[in-house]
């Protein structure tokens, strides 16, 4: 597992040990970020705020930082995985631009401290066995936690279909690569422009 592009390109990341973690593969990450840039212009240079939920090793948020995001928040409940995210931030030289939150995702989303993050890009990658959490997490992502132009990317098994709408979010695009699929959501007003 490595950083695909940007200032930390080629840097090998430390994987999470001892957990059943399903990291997003290099090829899928490369295709995902190409699509994000082409379709949504994200991550924007030096301005994007990224939220990586169920962070694991932090590969998605780290890739966004390498490609120019200003700040990334990583949410991970497991202590070892949260430590791995911090180690990867330091390894890539992004320690000052990353914040690791050791918390369950639903608790983090409900906490007042997260309410005003104004995230431009949110990665939501629950374990496939917990995909029932996906709809609840999507419904919790609304302004001001999510910027009005923000994009939410939900990773899931290609054989399942997350909801077309949850809370104020609407599905605007879905793409599959093998067994991995990504569903892209925007706020209802922004989704009409897609």
Protein backbone atom coordinates (compact mmCIF):
# COMPACT_ATOMS: atom_id res chain seq x y z
CA UNK A 1 0.00 0.00 0.00
CA UNK A 2 1.50 3.31 -1.08
CA UNK A 3 0.64 6.92 -1.84
CA UNK A 4 -0.24 7.12 -5.55
CA UNK A 5 0.34 10.79 -6.44
CA UNK A 6 1.31 14.20 -5.10
CA UNK A 7 3.97 15.33 -2.69
CA UNK A 8 4.30 11.95 -0.90
CA UNK A 9 4.05 9.90 -4.11
CA UNK A 10 5.50 6.41 -3.78
CA UNK A 11 5.69 6.52 0.03
CA UNK A 12 4.85 3.09 1.46
CA UNK A 13 2.27 3.18 4.24
CA UNK A 14 2.30 1.08 7.38
CA UNK A 15 -0.66 -1.33 7.31
CA UNK A 16 -2.90 -1.96 10.31
CA UNK A 17 -1.83 -5.17 12.00
CA UNK A 18 -4.06 -7.72 13.69
CA UNK A 19 -7.45 -6.41 12.58
CA UNK A 20 -9.75 -7.49 9.80
CA UNK A 21 -9.16 -4.31 7.83
CA UNK A 22 -9.92 -4.10 4.13
CA UNK A 23 -7.68 -1.36 2.78
CA UNK A 24 -8.71 0.31 -0.46
CA UNK A 25 -6.29 -1.04 -3.07
CA UNK A 26 -3.83 1.18 -4.92
CA UNK A 27 -5.58 0.82 -8.29
CA UNK A 28 -9.00 1.59 -6.84
CA UNK A 29 -7.61 4.63 -5.00
CA UNK A 30 -5.96 5.86 -8.18
CA UNK A 31 -9.21 5.50 -10.14
CA UNK A 32 -11.21 7.08 -7.30
CA UNK A 33 -9.02 10.18 -7.11
CA UNK A 34 -8.97 10.56 -10.89
CA UNK A 35 -12.78 10.52 -10.86
CA UNK A 36 -12.96 12.94 -7.91
CA UNK A 37 -10.66 15.40 -9.70
CA UNK A 38 -12.37 15.13 -13.09
CA UNK A 39 -15.97 15.22 -11.89
CA UNK A 40 -15.85 17.31 -8.70
CA UNK A 41 -12.50 19.14 -8.75
CA UNK A 42 -11.50 17.55 -5.43
CA UNK A 43 -9.33 17.66 -3.49
CA UNK A 44 -8.86 21.36 -4.23
CA UNK A 45 -5.36 22.72 -3.86
CA UNK A 46 -4.53 23.98 -0.38
CA UNK A 47 -8.15 24.44 0.68
CA UNK A 48 -9.96 21.13 0.96
CA UNK A 49 -10.89 19.78 4.38
CA UNK A 50 -11.19 15.98 4.34
CA UNK A 51 -12.92 13.64 6.79
CA UNK A 52 -11.88 9.96 6.69
CA UNK A 53 -14.42 7.90 8.66
CA UNK A 54 -13.51 4.31 9.62
CA UNK A 55 -9.98 5.38 8.70
CA UNK A 56 -8.10 2.08 9.15
CA UNK A 57 -4.56 2.94 8.02
CA UNK A 58 -5.70 6.37 6.80
CA UNK A 59 -4.80 5.68 3.16
CA UNK A 60 -7.71 7.65 1.65
CA UNK A 61 -7.19 10.77 3.77
CA UNK A 62 -3.41 10.57 3.30
CA UNK A 63 -3.84 10.36 -0.47
CA UNK A 64 -6.01 13.49 -0.32
CA UNK A 65 -3.34 15.31 1.72
CA UNK A 66 -0.65 14.26 -0.75
CA UNK A 67 -2.77 15.67 -3.58
CA UNK A 68 -3.11 19.08 -1.93
CA UNK A 69 -5.85 18.95 0.71
CA UNK A 70 -5.18 21.45 3.50
CA UNK A 71 -6.40 19.37 6.45
CA UNK A 72 -7.65 15.84 7.09
CA UNK A 73 -9.55 14.46 10.08
CA UNK A 74 -9.26 10.69 10.64
CA UNK A 75 -11.85 8.90 12.79
CA UNK A 76 -10.96 5.43 14.03
CA UNK A 77 -12.23 3.58 17.12
CA UNK A 78 -9.44 1.01 17.38
CA UNK A 79 -6.39 2.23 19.33
CA UNK A 80 -3.86 0.31 17.22
CA UNK A 81 -5.38 1.56 13.96
CA UNK A 82 -5.49 5.16 15.26
CA UNK A 83 -1.81 4.82 16.16
CA UNK A 84 -1.09 3.54 12.66
CA UNK A 85 -2.83 6.56 11.12
CA UNK A 86 -0.67 8.89 13.25
CA UNK A 87 2.47 6.96 12.28
CA UNK A 88 1.53 7.22 8.59
CA UNK A 89 0.87 10.96 8.94
CA UNK A 90 4.33 11.41 10.43
CA UNK A 91 5.92 9.09 7.84
CA UNK A 92 4.49 11.21 5.02
CA UNK A 93 5.38 14.51 6.69
CA UNK A 94 1.72 15.47 7.18
CA UNK A 95 1.67 15.53 11.01
CA UNK A 96 0.67 19.21 11.11
CA UNK A 97 -2.12 18.74 8.56
CA UNK A 98 -3.82 15.68 10.08
CA UNK A 99 -5.96 15.17 13.17
CA UNK A 100 -6.60 11.65 14.49
CA UNK A 101 -9.81 11.23 16.50
CA UNK A 102 -10.02 7.96 18.44
CA UNK A 103 -13.78 7.56 18.50
CA UNK A 104 -16.62 5.50 17.17
CA UNK A 105 -17.94 7.14 14.01
CA UNK A 106 -21.51 7.64 15.25
CA UNK A 107 -20.23 9.26 18.48
CA UNK A 108 -17.87 11.53 16.53
CA UNK A 109 -20.64 12.64 14.16
CA UNK A 110 -22.95 13.40 17.11
CA UNK A 111 -20.31 15.37 19.06
CA UNK A 112 -20.54 19.18 19.10
CA UNK A 113 -16.81 19.43 18.26
CA UNK A 114 -17.42 17.98 14.79
CA UNK A 115 -20.47 20.08 13.93
CA UNK A 116 -18.62 22.93 12.19
CA UNK A 117 -15.85 21.14 10.30
CA UNK A 118 -17.09 22.27 6.86
CA UNK A 119 -15.68 19.21 5.08
CA UNK A 120 -15.26 19.36 1.33
CA UNK A 121 -14.67 15.62 0.99
CA UNK A 122 -15.82 12.78 3.26
CA UNK A 123 -14.73 9.16 2.93
CA UNK A 124 -17.08 6.67 4.54
CA UNK A 125 -15.70 3.14 4.52
CA UNK A 126 -17.32 0.94 7.18
CA UNK A 127 -16.44 -2.75 7.34
CA UNK A 128 -18.64 -4.57 4.84
CA UNK A 129 -20.20 -6.49 7.73
CA UNK A 130 -21.40 -3.15 9.18
CA UNK A 131 -22.89 -1.65 6.03
CA UNK A 132 -26.17 -1.13 7.89
CA UNK A 133 -24.32 1.79 9.57
CA UNK A 134 -23.90 3.42 6.17
CA UNK A 135 -27.39 4.96 5.91
CA UNK A 136 -27.23 6.34 9.47
CA UNK A 137 -23.80 7.87 8.85
CA UNK A 138 -24.92 9.38 5.55
CA UNK A 139 -27.98 10.91 7.21
CA UNK A 140 -25.73 12.52 9.87
CA UNK A 141 -23.60 14.29 7.25
CA UNK A 142 -25.17 17.69 6.72
CA UNK A 143 -24.09 21.32 6.97
CA UNK A 144 -22.17 22.74 8.71
CA UNK A 145 -20.22 19.47 9.17
CA UNK A 146 -20.35 19.05 5.38
CA UNK A 147 -19.63 22.08 3.19
CA UNK A 148 -22.55 22.98 0.91
CA UNK A 149 -20.49 21.90 -2.14
CA UNK A 150 -19.05 18.84 -0.34
CA UNK A 151 -18.87 15.31 -1.69
CA UNK A 152 -19.34 12.12 0.34
CA UNK A 153 -17.78 8.92 -1.00
CA UNK A 154 -19.17 5.71 0.50
CA UNK A 155 -17.19 2.54 -0.18
CA UNK A 156 -19.14 -0.70 -0.16
CA UNK A 157 -19.34 -4.20 -1.57
CA UNK A 158 -20.27 -4.07 -5.26
CA UNK A 159 -23.09 -6.57 -4.60
CA UNK A 160 -24.87 -4.17 -2.25
CA UNK A 161 -26.57 -0.86 -2.95
CA UNK A 162 -26.58 1.90 -0.34
CA UNK A 163 -29.64 4.15 -0.37
CA UNK A 164 -30.19 6.66 -3.16
CA UNK A 165 -30.98 9.28 -0.51
CA UNK A 166 -30.21 9.65 3.19
CA UNK A 167 -30.99 12.75 5.21
CA UNK A 168 -30.14 15.73 3.02
CA UNK A 169 -27.78 13.71 0.77
CA UNK A 170 -28.61 12.40 -2.69
CA UNK A 171 -26.72 9.84 -4.76
CA UNK A 172 -25.11 11.49 -7.80
CA UNK A 173 -22.83 8.74 -9.11
CA UNK A 174 -21.90 5.11 -8.48
CA UNK A 175 -18.88 3.23 -9.82
CA UNK A 176 -17.57 -0.31 -9.26
CA UNK A 177 -14.09 -1.77 -9.63
CA UNK A 178 -14.27 -5.54 -9.18
CA UNK A 179 -15.78 -6.30 -5.76
CA UNK A 180 -15.37 -2.71 -4.55
CA UNK A 181 -17.93 -0.01 -5.31
CA UNK A 182 -18.10 3.69 -4.48
CA UNK A 183 -21.28 5.71 -4.18
CA UNK A 184 -20.95 9.50 -4.42
CA UNK A 185 -23.36 11.79 -2.59
CA UNK A 186 -23.96 15.53 -2.48
CA UNK A 187 -26.43 17.72 -0.70
CA UNK A 188 -29.74 17.92 -2.53
CA UNK A 189 -29.20 21.46 -3.88
CA UNK A 190 -25.67 20.62 -5.09
CA UNK A 191 -26.77 17.29 -6.57
CA UNK A 192 -29.04 19.05 -9.08
CA UNK A 193 -25.94 20.65 -10.62
CA UNK A 194 -24.33 17.25 -11.32
